[in-house]
Amino acid sequence: MKLVNKLTLVFIFCLNSLLSFSQWQVVTNGVYPNLLDIDFPSVDTGYICGDHFILKSIDGGNNWNQITIPFNLKSIDFPTNNIGYGCGPNKTIVKTIDGGITWDTLSVPFLSNQNLYFNSITFKDSLTGFIAVGYFYYDFFSMSAYREGYIVKTIDGGSNWQQVYSHPKEFRKIFLIENSNTLYCSGGTWGPEGNENILVKSIDFGQNWTQIGLPTTELIQSIHCIDETNTSFIGGRNFFLSSDSTNTLDMYYADSLNIFEDCILINQNNLYIVGRNFGLYKYSTINQNIEKTQIGSLTNNLLDIEMLSNGVGFIVGSSGIILKNDSLLITGIEKNENPLFSDLFYPNPTSGLINIPLNDYYSQVNVTLSNVIGEILHEFRYKNQNLISIDLSNYPKGIYFISVKIKEQTQILKVIKD
């Protein structure tokens, strides 16, 4: 694996919540204790976990109802609207089949240490899933560290588990790439002896694992991939990007920023990162700059970020904060002060044809149609026209981007195919 170290970042503050990528609205703040993880099995139904409670929404995250539970969950995953799994400290694994109303306790009997942290959980479907397990304890009297790390797997809905990997470092996060057999698992240890990290990858659904070396000792807190090729990792104030299945990793370091907690790749060009002390950042591979936004005087630690299939984004964190962005996929697209066309492109959503009226006749117009991960689906060229029409009839339902370039000007439209 080739590592490229990039230490210089252009850092931009966006202090107005209406600027650039920061179209974030506070759904709630200060009502609940710390919120640790959020998961939406569908665009309408979502869940958030905390200490001895679950929040549930059935209206796309606008309103949340609290369900009290007798355990502390650190991570949740709902493969369907009603079937979900959660894990937490002291070997906690639980399952619900009624949308979070009742929970059954599951067990991994071959792991004997009752102090193990079940840190992160992911499921491919209602039966098959993985848990990242870890334990770290430092005895200051004997000056000794005790460490354990495991990855466990079930194929029968949690009734039985098997160990698929172990390492003497704590695993903290596991990520399964959608519609694939590739997983990443990360973590590490900390203490007076210093930090150490661990990052492993499996391409055969957990049967075999390969360790990936990193030029940093920071714990790898989070992982996110949009496909087999495009991946991201964060740890401390470092973040890593790869566009070739981690054969090459670009490393970025930003000493002036807050400690990172979670990340999400929106597409090949844009990465969101959340962190402590209201750390909310977006990195653009095109401009190679990192932007920070601030909403008022909020100082909450931001702990988890999620994007729904319809492009809506959510962030949760300390003091029960929930943030919502109604159009996360459109972020990072800068609107030109001299637009080539009005905002009245139509119809949107569309079942087929999309019409884009230009402000004038142009000798040449170059148009590119892309999907949400930045793949170019088709390129068009028009001459001496003031109206562009693109037919999406043969494409599946979803979100698309249309880039219109005239001379040196480019504007991008977000289109929904229904």
Protein backbone atom coordinates (compact mmCIF):
# COMPACT_ATOMS: atom_id res chain seq x y z
CA MET A 1 0.00 0.00 0.00
CA LYS A 2 1.33 3.43 -0.93
CA LEU A 3 0.90 6.25 1.59
CA VAL A 4 0.81 9.88 0.58
CA ASN A 5 1.25 12.33 3.44
CA LYS A 6 -0.47 15.66 2.96
CA LEU A 7 0.07 18.03 5.86
CA THR A 8 -1.06 21.37 4.44
CA LEU A 9 -4.76 22.14 4.39
CA VAL A 10 -6.57 25.33 3.48
CA PHE A 11 -8.87 25.98 6.44
CA ILE A 12 -12.00 28.09 6.01
CA PHE A 13 -14.45 29.11 8.74
CA CYS A 14 -18.13 29.31 7.80
CA LEU A 15 -19.74 31.05 10.74
CA ASN A 16 -23.15 31.64 9.24
CA SER A 17 -25.42 28.60 9.36
CA LEU A 18 -26.90 29.58 5.99
CA LEU A 19 -23.62 29.55 4.10
CA SER A 20 -22.11 26.85 1.90
CA PHE A 21 -22.54 23.34 3.29
CA SER A 22 -23.96 24.40 6.63
CA GLN A 23 -27.68 24.16 6.00
CA TRP A 24 -28.05 22.46 9.37
CA GLN A 25 -31.04 23.01 11.64
CA VAL A 26 -31.26 22.11 15.34
CA VAL A 27 -34.07 19.57 15.80
CA THR A 28 -33.56 19.34 19.57
CA ASN A 29 -30.89 20.24 22.11
CA GLY A 30 -30.70 19.80 25.88
CA VAL A 31 -33.79 17.59 26.13
CA TYR A 32 -31.99 14.22 26.29
CA PRO A 33 -28.64 13.00 27.65
CA ASN A 34 -25.79 12.14 25.28
CA LEU A 35 -26.80 10.60 21.94
CA LEU A 36 -24.20 8.16 20.62
CA ASP A 37 -25.39 6.54 17.39
CA ILE A 38 -28.11 7.09 14.78
CA ASP A 39 -29.47 4.72 12.15
CA PHE A 40 -32.25 5.02 9.56
CA PRO A 41 -33.41 1.73 8.00
CA SER A 42 -35.66 3.82 5.72
CA VAL A 43 -36.21 7.49 4.94
CA ASP A 44 -39.12 7.67 7.40
CA THR A 45 -38.02 5.46 10.29
CA GLY A 46 -34.97 6.27 12.40
CA TYR A 47 -33.44 5.30 15.73
CA ILE A 48 -30.94 6.94 18.10
CA CYS A 49 -29.34 5.26 21.10
CA GLY A 50 -28.16 6.64 24.42
CA ASP A 51 -27.71 5.60 28.04
CA HIS A 52 -30.76 3.46 28.93
CA PHE A 53 -33.02 4.86 26.22
CA ILE A 54 -33.81 4.75 22.52
CA LEU A 55 -35.29 7.56 20.44
CA LYS A 56 -37.50 6.64 17.50
CA SER A 57 -38.88 8.71 14.63
CA ILE A 58 -41.46 7.67 12.06
CA ASP A 59 -41.65 11.00 10.20
CA GLY A 60 -38.17 11.33 8.74
CA GLY A 61 -36.51 12.64 11.90
CA ASN A 62 -38.68 15.70 12.53
CA ASN A 63 -40.09 14.30 15.78
CA TRP A 64 -38.64 11.74 18.18
CA ASN A 65 -40.25 9.59 20.88
CA GLN A 66 -38.27 8.19 23.81
CA ILE A 67 -38.33 4.50 24.75
CA THR A 68 -36.73 3.57 28.08
CA ILE A 69 -34.58 0.42 28.04
CA PRO A 70 -32.69 -1.34 30.91
CA PHE A 71 -29.21 -1.14 29.40
CA ASN A 72 -26.68 1.23 27.89
CA LEU A 73 -26.20 0.99 24.12
CA LYS A 74 -23.21 2.43 22.28
CA SER A 75 -24.07 1.29 18.74
CA ILE A 76 -27.23 0.26 16.88
CA ASP A 77 -28.08 -1.14 13.46
CA PHE A 78 -31.58 -1.74 12.06
CA PRO A 79 -31.58 -3.87 8.90
CA THR A 80 -35.39 -3.36 8.70
CA ASN A 81 -37.84 -0.86 10.17
CA ASN A 82 -38.73 -3.24 13.03
CA ILE A 83 -35.75 -5.59 13.42
CA GLY A 84 -32.74 -4.02 15.09
CA TYR A 85 -29.64 -4.83 17.11
CA GLY A 86 -27.66 -2.91 19.70
CA CYS A 87 -24.45 -3.36 21.66
CA GLY A 88 -22.60 -1.69 24.48
CA PRO A 89 -20.37 -2.13 27.57
CA ASN A 90 -20.23 -5.25 29.74
CA LYS A 91 -20.84 -7.62 26.80
CA THR A 92 -24.23 -6.09 26.03
CA ILE A 93 -25.95 -7.37 22.88
CA VAL A 94 -29.70 -6.95 22.40
CA LYS A 95 -32.27 -7.46 19.65
CA THR A 96 -35.72 -6.08 18.92
CA ILE A 97 -38.29 -7.35 16.41
CA ASP A 98 -41.04 -4.83 17.22
CA GLY A 99 -39.43 -1.51 16.41
CA GLY A 100 -37.65 -0.98 19.72
CA ILE A 101 -40.59 -1.52 22.07
CA THR A 102 -39.16 -4.72 23.59
CA TRP A 103 -35.63 -6.13 23.53
CA ASP A 104 -34.14 -9.60 24.02
CA THR A 105 -30.65 -10.08 25.45
CA LEU A 106 -28.20 -12.09 23.34
CA SER A 107 -24.91 -13.62 24.47
CA VAL A 108 -21.45 -14.56 23.24
CA PRO A 109 -20.54 -17.26 25.79
CA PHE A 110 -17.04 -18.03 24.46
CA LEU A 111 -15.84 -14.51 25.40
CA SER A 112 -15.34 -14.85 29.17
CA ASN A 113 -14.30 -11.30 30.11
CA GLN A 114 -17.46 -9.65 31.45
CA ASN A 115 -15.87 -6.20 31.10
CA LEU A 116 -15.59 -6.39 27.33
CA TYR A 117 -16.97 -3.47 25.38
CA PHE A 118 -19.11 -4.40 22.40
CA ASN A 119 -18.29 -1.15 20.61
CA SER A 120 -19.81 -1.29 17.14
CA ILE A 121 -22.38 -3.43 15.33
CA THR A 122 -23.32 -3.82 11.66
CA PHE A 123 -25.79 -6.14 9.90
CA LYS A 124 -26.05 -7.06 6.23
CA ASP A 125 -29.63 -8.28 6.67
CA SER A 126 -31.91 -9.36 9.52
CA LEU A 127 -29.81 -12.48 10.20
CA THR A 128 -26.16 -11.78 9.36
CA GLY A 129 -24.01 -9.31 11.25
CA PHE A 130 -20.71 -8.45 12.95
CA ILE A 131 -19.59 -6.82 16.21
CA ALA A 132 -16.30 -5.05 16.97
CA VAL A 133 -15.23 -5.98 20.51
CA GLY A 134 -12.56 -4.45 22.71
CA TYR A 135 -11.13 -4.16 26.19
CA PHE A 136 -8.32 -2.00 27.55
CA TYR A 137 -7.19 -1.54 31.13
CA TYR A 138 -4.02 0.05 32.47
CA ASP A 139 -2.85 -0.85 35.95
CA PHE A 140 -0.86 2.13 37.27
CA PHE A 141 0.48 0.13 40.21
CA SER A 142 2.06 -2.61 38.13
CA MET A 143 2.55 -0.32 35.12
CA SER A 144 0.93 -2.98 32.94
CA ALA A 145 -1.66 -2.76 30.18
CA TYR A 146 -4.32 -5.39 29.47
CA ARG A 147 -5.80 -5.48 26.00
CA GLU A 148 -8.25 -7.62 24.04
CA GLY A 149 -9.81 -7.24 20.60
CA TYR A 150 -12.21 -9.49 18.72
CA ILE A 151 -14.51 -9.49 15.71
CA VAL A 152 -17.51 -11.80 16.07
CA LYS A 153 -20.12 -12.83 13.50
CA THR A 154 -23.64 -14.29 13.48
CA ILE A 155 -25.58 -15.79 10.58
CA ASP A 156 -28.77 -16.68 12.51
CA GLY A 157 -29.99 -13.40 13.93
CA GLY A 158 -27.77 -13.43 17.02
CA SER A 159 -28.67 -16.84 18.41
CA ASN A 160 -25.11 -18.05 17.81
CA TRP A 161 -21.83 -16.20 17.33
CA GLN A 162 -18.38 -17.15 16.11
CA GLN A 163 -15.04 -15.41 16.47
CA VAL A 164 -13.63 -14.49 13.05
CA TYR A 165 -10.62 -12.42 14.12
CA SER A 166 -8.68 -11.44 17.24
CA HIS A 167 -5.88 -8.98 17.99
CA PRO A 168 -4.27 -7.60 21.18
CA LYS A 169 -5.73 -4.15 20.53
CA GLU A 170 -9.25 -2.87 21.14
CA PHE A 171 -11.60 -2.86 18.12
CA ARG A 172 -13.88 0.18 18.14
CA LYS A 173 -15.62 0.44 14.77
CA ILE A 174 -16.75 -2.02 12.11
CA PHE A 175 -18.12 -1.04 8.70
CA LEU A 176 -19.70 -3.24 6.03
CA ILE A 177 -19.76 -1.77 2.52
CA GLU A 178 -23.28 -1.88 1.15
CA ASN A 179 -23.99 -4.58 -1.45
CA SER A 180 -20.55 -6.15 -1.03
CA ASN A 181 -18.58 -8.67 1.05
CA THR A 182 -15.95 -6.14 2.11
CA LEU A 183 -15.58 -5.04 5.75
CA TYR A 184 -13.21 -2.76 7.63
CA CYS A 185 -12.63 -2.86 11.38
CA SER A 186 -10.56 -0.31 13.31
CA GLY A 187 -9.53 0.79 16.76
CA GLY A 188 -6.43 0.78 18.92
CA THR A 189 -5.22 1.47 22.46
CA TRP A 190 -4.08 4.48 24.44
CA GLY A 191 -2.29 5.06 27.72
CA PRO A 192 0.99 6.14 29.32
CA GLU A 193 2.83 3.83 26.96
CA GLY A 194 1.49 5.82 24.01
CA ASN A 195 -1.12 5.26 21.34
CA GLU A 196 -1.35 2.35 18.94
CA ASN A 197 -3.92 1.78 16.21
CA ILE A 198 -5.31 -1.16 14.29
CA LEU A 199 -7.05 -1.26 10.90
CA VAL A 200 -8.00 -4.54 9.21
CA LYS A 201 -9.90 -5.41 6.04
CA SER A 202 -11.79 -8.48 4.80
CA ILE A 203 -12.95 -8.97 1.21
CA ASP A 204 -14.65 -12.34 1.80
CA PHE A 205 -17.28 -11.43 4.39
CA GLY A 206 -15.08 -11.95 7.42
CA GLN A 207 -13.37 -15.24 6.61
CA ASN A 208 -9.90 -13.70 6.17
CA TRP A 209 -8.49 -10.38 7.37
CA THR A 210 -5.52 -8.27 6.29
CA GLN A 211 -3.95 -5.57 8.43
CA ILE A 212 -3.44 -2.13 6.86
CA GLY A 213 -0.49 -0.11 8.15
CA LEU A 214 -0.91 3.60 8.85
CA PRO A 215 1.75 6.30 9.41
CA THR A 216 0.14 7.48 12.66
CA THR A 217 -0.42 6.08 16.12
CA GLU A 218 -3.79 7.76 16.62
CA LEU A 219 -6.76 5.49 17.32
CA ILE A 220 -8.88 5.01 14.19
CA GLN A 221 -12.30 6.11 15.42
CA SER A 222 -14.47 5.77 12.35
CA ILE A 223 -14.74 4.36 8.84
CA HIS A 224 -17.01 5.15 5.92
CA CYS A 225 -17.05 3.88 2.33
CA ILE A 226 -19.40 4.69 -0.52
CA ASP A 227 -18.32 1.63 -2.51
CA GLU A 228 -15.46 -0.86 -2.84
CA THR A 229 -13.15 1.83 -4.20
CA ASN A 230 -13.77 5.02 -2.21
CA THR A 231 -12.98 4.85 1.51
CA SER A 232 -12.32 7.20 4.43
CA PHE A 233 -10.95 6.81 7.96
CA ILE A 234 -10.47 9.25 10.84
CA GLY A 235 -8.36 9.19 13.98
CA GLY A 236 -7.42 12.01 16.31
CA ARG A 237 -6.97 14.99 13.99
CA ASN A 238 -6.01 12.78 11.05
CA PHE A 239 -8.18 11.68 8.18
CA PHE A 240 -7.39 9.35 5.31
CA LEU A 241 -8.93 9.08 1.85
CA SER A 242 -8.51 6.42 -0.80
CA SER A 243 -9.97 6.12 -4.29
CA ASP A 244 -8.35 2.78 -5.14
CA SER A 245 -9.52 0.30 -2.48
CA THR A 246 -6.84 1.45 0.04
CA ASN A 247 -3.94 0.55 -2.27
CA THR A 248 -3.04 4.23 -1.88
CA LEU A 249 -4.03 6.31 1.14
CA ASP A 250 -3.85 10.10 1.26
CA MET A 251 -3.26 11.24 4.85
CA TYR A 252 -4.31 14.68 6.06
CA TYR A 253 -3.48 16.24 9.41
CA ALA A 254 -5.09 19.36 10.88
CA ASP A 255 -3.58 20.30 14.23
CA SER A 256 -5.83 23.34 14.69
CA LEU A 257 -9.09 21.36 14.57
CA ASN A 258 -11.00 19.52 17.28
CA ILE A 259 -10.64 15.78 17.87
CA PHE A 260 -12.62 13.87 15.22
CA GLU A 261 -15.36 11.36 16.15
CA ASP A 262 -17.12 10.25 12.95
CA CYS A 263 -17.07 10.78 9.20
CA ILE A 264 -19.14 10.16 6.08
CA LEU A 265 -18.21 10.28 2.40
CA ILE A 266 -20.95 12.02 0.44
CA ASN A 267 -19.35 11.23 -2.91
CA GLN A 268 -15.87 10.93 -4.38
CA ASN A 269 -15.17 14.62 -3.76
CA ASN A 270 -16.74 15.53 -0.42
CA LEU A 271 -16.12 14.23 3.11
CA TYR A 272 -18.00 15.32 6.25
CA ILE A 273 -16.31 15.01 9.65
CA VAL A 274 -17.83 15.61 13.08
CA GLY A 275 -15.97 15.96 16.37
CA ARG A 276 -15.66 17.46 19.79
CA ASN A 277 -16.61 21.02 20.78
CA PHE A 278 -19.03 21.33 17.86
CA GLY A 279 -16.53 20.16 15.30
CA LEU A 280 -18.44 20.13 12.00
CA TYR A 281 -16.23 20.04 8.93
CA LYS A 282 -16.39 19.38 5.21
CA TYR A 283 -13.36 18.53 3.11
CA SER A 284 -13.34 18.96 -0.68
CA THR A 285 -10.86 16.96 -2.74
CA ILE A 286 -11.38 19.41 -5.60
CA ASN A 287 -10.34 22.56 -3.73
CA GLN A 288 -8.31 20.65 -1.09
CA ASN A 289 -9.69 22.79 1.70
CA ILE A 290 -11.51 21.99 4.90
CA GLU A 291 -14.41 24.15 6.05
CA LYS A 292 -15.78 24.46 9.56
CA THR A 293 -19.28 25.62 10.38
CA GLN A 294 -20.66 27.01 13.61
CA ILE A 295 -24.30 27.40 14.65
CA GLY A 296 -24.61 30.17 17.23
CA SER A 297 -22.60 29.46 20.38
CA LEU A 298 -23.22 25.70 20.49
CA THR A 299 -20.34 23.69 21.96
CA ASN A 300 -21.81 20.16 21.94
CA ASN A 301 -19.55 17.24 21.10
CA LEU A 302 -20.78 15.86 17.78
CA LEU A 303 -20.47 12.07 17.86
CA ASP A 304 -22.19 10.49 14.85
CA ILE A 305 -23.29 11.50 11.36
CA GLU A 306 -25.71 9.66 9.05
CA MET A 307 -26.99 10.25 5.51
CA LEU A 308 -30.27 8.79 4.28
CA SER A 309 -30.84 7.46 0.77
CA ASN A 310 -32.78 10.63 -0.10
CA GLY A 311 -29.83 12.88 0.77
CA VAL A 312 -31.08 14.05 4.17
CA GLY A 313 -28.35 14.22 6.81
CA PHE A 314 -28.40 13.88 10.59
CA ILE A 315 -25.85 14.51 13.35
CA VAL A 316 -26.21 13.56 17.02
CA GLY A 317 -24.07 14.30 20.06
CA SER A 318 -23.74 15.39 23.65
CA SER A 319 -26.56 17.01 25.64
CA GLY A 320 -29.05 15.35 23.30
CA ILE A 321 -28.35 17.49 20.25
CA ILE A 322 -29.89 16.42 16.93
CA LEU A 323 -29.05 18.34 13.75
CA LYS A 324 -30.77 17.87 10.40
CA ASN A 325 -29.79 18.88 6.87
CA ASP A 326 -32.53 18.45 4.26
CA SER A 327 -30.22 18.36 1.25
CA LEU A 328 -26.83 17.00 2.22
CA LEU A 329 -26.02 15.77 -1.29
CA ILE A 330 -26.26 19.27 -2.73
CA THR A 331 -23.67 20.62 -0.29
CA GLY A 332 -20.36 21.72 -1.60
CA ILE A 333 -21.88 22.97 -4.86
CA GLU A 334 -21.13 26.63 -5.15
CA LYS A 335 -23.68 28.81 -6.83
CA ASN A 336 -22.21 31.22 -9.35
CA GLU A 337 -22.95 34.91 -8.93
CA ASN A 338 -23.73 35.08 -12.66
CA PRO A 339 -25.93 32.02 -13.19
CA LEU A 340 -26.14 30.37 -16.58
CA PHE A 341 -29.76 29.50 -15.95
CA SER A 342 -32.52 30.16 -13.44
CA ASP A 343 -33.54 27.74 -10.71
CA LEU A 344 -36.67 26.90 -12.71
CA PHE A 345 -35.52 23.63 -14.26
CA TYR A 346 -38.48 21.27 -14.52
CA PRO A 347 -40.03 18.93 -13.66
CA ASN A 348 -38.13 18.00 -10.50
CA PRO A 349 -38.72 15.32 -9.33
CA THR A 350 -39.14 13.78 -12.77
CA SER A 351 -40.16 10.41 -14.11
CA GLY A 352 -38.16 10.92 -17.30
CA LEU A 353 -37.48 14.23 -19.02
CA ILE A 354 -35.77 17.15 -17.28
CA ASN A 355 -35.76 20.60 -18.97
CA ILE A 356 -33.13 23.26 -18.23
CA PRO A 357 -33.84 26.71 -19.74
CA LEU A 358 -30.63 28.73 -20.30
CA ASN A 359 -30.45 32.50 -19.98
CA ASP A 360 -29.23 32.90 -23.55
CA TYR A 361 -28.26 31.05 -26.74
CA TYR A 362 -24.77 29.57 -26.39
CA SER A 363 -22.53 28.27 -29.17
CA GLN A 364 -21.47 25.23 -27.11
CA VAL A 365 -22.80 23.71 -23.91
CA ASN A 366 -21.16 20.67 -22.26
CA VAL A 367 -23.39 18.65 -19.93
CA THR A 368 -22.44 15.74 -17.67
CA LEU A 369 -24.86 13.41 -15.88
CA SER A 370 -23.52 11.78 -12.69
CA ASN A 371 -24.86 9.64 -9.85
CA VAL A 372 -24.54 10.31 -6.11
CA ILE A 373 -21.05 8.78 -5.83
CA GLY A 374 -19.71 10.92 -8.66
CA GLU A 375 -19.67 8.32 -11.45
CA ILE A 376 -20.20 9.89 -14.87
CA LEU A 377 -23.15 8.20 -16.55
CA HIS A 378 -23.37 10.21 -19.76
CA GLU A 379 -21.87 13.28 -21.42
CA PHE A 380 -23.77 15.56 -23.80
CA ARG A 381 -22.77 18.43 -26.11
CA TYR A 382 -25.22 21.04 -27.38
CA LYS A 383 -24.73 23.87 -29.91
CA ASN A 384 -26.68 27.13 -30.33
CA GLN A 385 -29.47 26.23 -27.88
CA ASN A 386 -31.17 27.99 -25.00
CA LEU A 387 -32.99 24.89 -23.73
CA ILE A 388 -31.43 21.61 -22.62
CA SER A 389 -33.55 18.47 -22.29
CA ILE A 390 -32.20 15.26 -20.76
CA ASP A 391 -34.12 12.00 -20.65
CA LEU A 392 -33.69 9.95 -17.44
CA SER A 393 -36.28 7.33 -18.36
CA ASN A 394 -33.73 4.52 -18.66
CA TYR A 395 -32.10 5.25 -15.30
CA PRO A 396 -33.26 3.82 -11.96
CA LYS A 397 -34.99 5.92 -9.33
CA GLY A 398 -32.65 8.03 -7.21
CA ILE A 399 -30.69 11.25 -7.04
CA TYR A 400 -28.59 12.54 -9.96
CA PHE A 401 -26.41 15.56 -10.63
CA ILE A 402 -26.35 17.45 -13.92
CA SER A 403 -23.27 19.61 -14.53
CA VAL A 404 -23.69 22.34 -17.13
CA LYS A 405 -20.48 23.95 -18.40
CA ILE A 406 -20.37 26.96 -20.73
CA LYS A 407 -16.91 28.38 -21.43
CA GLU A 408 -15.30 28.65 -17.97
CA GLN A 409 -18.54 28.63 -16.00
CA THR A 410 -20.04 25.50 -14.44
CA GLN A 411 -23.27 25.02 -12.53
CA ILE A 412 -24.58 21.84 -10.99
CA LEU A 413 -28.20 20.76 -10.51
CA LYS A 414 -29.55 18.11 -8.17
CA VAL A 415 -32.35 16.08 -9.84
CA ILE A 416 -34.58 13.41 -8.33
CA LYS A 417 -35.80 10.58 -10.56
CA ASP A 418 -39.02 9.06 -9.13
